Each structure stands twice: as C-alpha cells, then as structure tokens.
C-alpha cells in the first residue's frame, strides 16, 4: 500500500491525498493505494502545484509509514519539530 504526501503551498504544512483526491491534513485520512492507483494519485497531485508541493509516494502498513522512510514520515506526520518548547506551533 502507498499514500501520496506533499507540502501545502499556502503554509508549507504536510498534507496527503485523500480518498477523493483532495488534500487532507491527517495521515489516517490519507487515501491508501495499490500500484497503478498510487501512480495515478501521484500524477493527479503533480497536476495541482497550487496545492501539492513536491508530492511523492510513501509505503505504508496497517500502523502507518513503513519501509526505509518510516522514521522521516512519522516525524513529518506529527508536525513541526521546532517551537514546541517555546509554545509556538
């Protein structure tokens, strides 16, 4: 299974392609796709640069991101890693 992730153009936040093809903010709301459907979802996101910046595919398992980028994608899905100790998000 794969998901499509990117950054939102307007604010740089991590977003995902949802089941309907639109952007969603939460990893658990991301559409999960098999092979050719994943390629199609990626192509659709690439055709919408006003929303999706640098979209790419990520392998996922039942519990979330998997494969070699598991740690990176888990950190990205939780939001910014700076500013928390200062009360900024």
Protein backbone atom coordinates (compact mmCIF):
# COMPACT_ATOMS: atom_id res chain seq x y z
CA UNK A 1 0.00 0.00 0.00
CA UNK A 2 1.08 3.56 -0.65
CA UNK A 3 0.00 7.07 0.20
CA UNK A 4 0.80 10.35 -1.53
CA UNK A 5 2.28 13.09 0.64
CA UNK A 6 3.44 16.63 -0.10
CA UNK A 7 3.61 20.06 1.46
CA UNK A 8 0.79 22.57 1.10
CA UNK A 9 1.81 25.60 -0.97
CA UNK A 10 -0.02 28.14 1.20
CA UNK A 11 1.67 27.34 4.53
CA UNK A 12 4.21 24.54 4.00
CA UNK A 13 2.38 22.06 6.22
CA UNK A 14 2.45 18.34 5.47
CA UNK A 15 -0.62 17.16 3.57
CA UNK A 16 -1.77 13.92 1.99
CA UNK A 17 -4.00 12.99 -0.93
CA UNK A 18 -7.33 11.83 0.49
CA UNK A 19 -9.63 9.14 -0.90
CA UNK A 20 -11.40 11.68 -3.11
CA UNK A 21 -8.17 13.17 -4.42
CA UNK A 22 -8.25 16.36 -2.37
CA UNK A 23 -5.80 17.41 0.31
CA UNK A 24 -6.17 16.12 3.88
CA UNK A 25 -4.13 17.11 6.95
CA UNK A 26 -4.06 13.82 8.83
CA UNK A 27 -2.13 10.68 7.96
CA UNK A 28 -5.07 8.49 8.99
CA UNK A 29 -7.27 10.31 6.46
CA UNK A 30 -4.87 9.72 3.56
CA UNK A 31 -6.05 7.54 0.71
CA UNK A 32 -4.24 4.20 0.50
CA UNK A 33 -3.50 2.98 -2.99
CA UNK A 34 -2.12 -0.11 -4.69
CA UNK A 35 0.42 0.05 -7.53
CA UNK A 36 -1.21 1.70 -10.58
CA UNK A 37 -3.77 3.55 -8.48
CA UNK A 38 -0.89 5.01 -6.43
CA UNK A 39 0.81 6.19 -9.61
CA UNK A 40 -2.45 7.77 -10.75
CA UNK A 41 -2.98 9.56 -7.43
CA UNK A 42 0.60 10.86 -7.58
CA UNK A 43 0.11 12.10 -11.15
CA UNK A 44 -3.09 13.89 -10.12
CA UNK A 45 -1.30 15.63 -7.24
CA UNK A 46 1.54 16.63 -9.55
CA UNK A 47 -1.01 18.31 -11.82
CA UNK A 48 -2.12 20.52 -8.89
CA UNK A 49 1.02 22.52 -7.96
CA UNK A 50 -1.11 25.27 -6.43
CA UNK A 51 -1.92 22.83 -3.63
CA UNK A 52 0.63 19.99 -3.58
CA UNK A 53 4.33 20.92 -3.48
CA UNK A 54 6.73 18.10 -4.39
CA UNK A 55 4.29 15.17 -3.96
CA UNK A 56 5.73 11.68 -3.62
CA UNK A 57 4.72 8.14 -2.72
CA UNK A 58 5.33 6.57 0.69
CA UNK A 59 4.97 2.89 1.58
CA UNK A 60 2.51 2.31 4.42
CA UNK A 61 1.45 -0.63 6.52
CA UNK A 62 -1.50 -1.04 8.88
CA UNK A 63 0.17 1.09 11.58
CA UNK A 64 1.43 3.89 9.32
CA UNK A 65 4.54 4.59 7.26
CA UNK A 66 6.80 1.63 6.57
CA UNK A 67 9.94 0.94 4.61
CA UNK A 68 13.15 2.91 4.62
CA UNK A 69 11.49 6.31 5.13
CA UNK A 70 9.39 5.16 8.11
CA UNK A 71 11.05 7.42 10.71
CA UNK A 72 11.11 10.51 8.49
CA UNK A 73 7.44 10.17 7.54
CA UNK A 74 6.36 9.50 11.13
CA UNK A 75 8.08 12.72 12.23
CA UNK A 76 6.58 14.70 9.29
CA UNK A 77 3.07 13.46 10.12
CA UNK A 78 3.30 14.86 13.65
CA UNK A 79 4.02 18.42 12.55
CA UNK A 80 6.86 20.88 13.11
CA UNK A 81 9.70 19.76 15.35
CA UNK A 82 10.75 23.28 16.34
CA UNK A 83 8.98 25.81 18.51
CA UNK A 84 7.21 23.37 20.81
CA UNK A 85 9.36 24.27 23.83
CA UNK A 86 8.55 27.94 23.24
CA UNK A 87 4.81 27.38 22.96
CA UNK A 88 4.80 28.04 19.19
CA UNK A 89 3.35 25.66 16.66
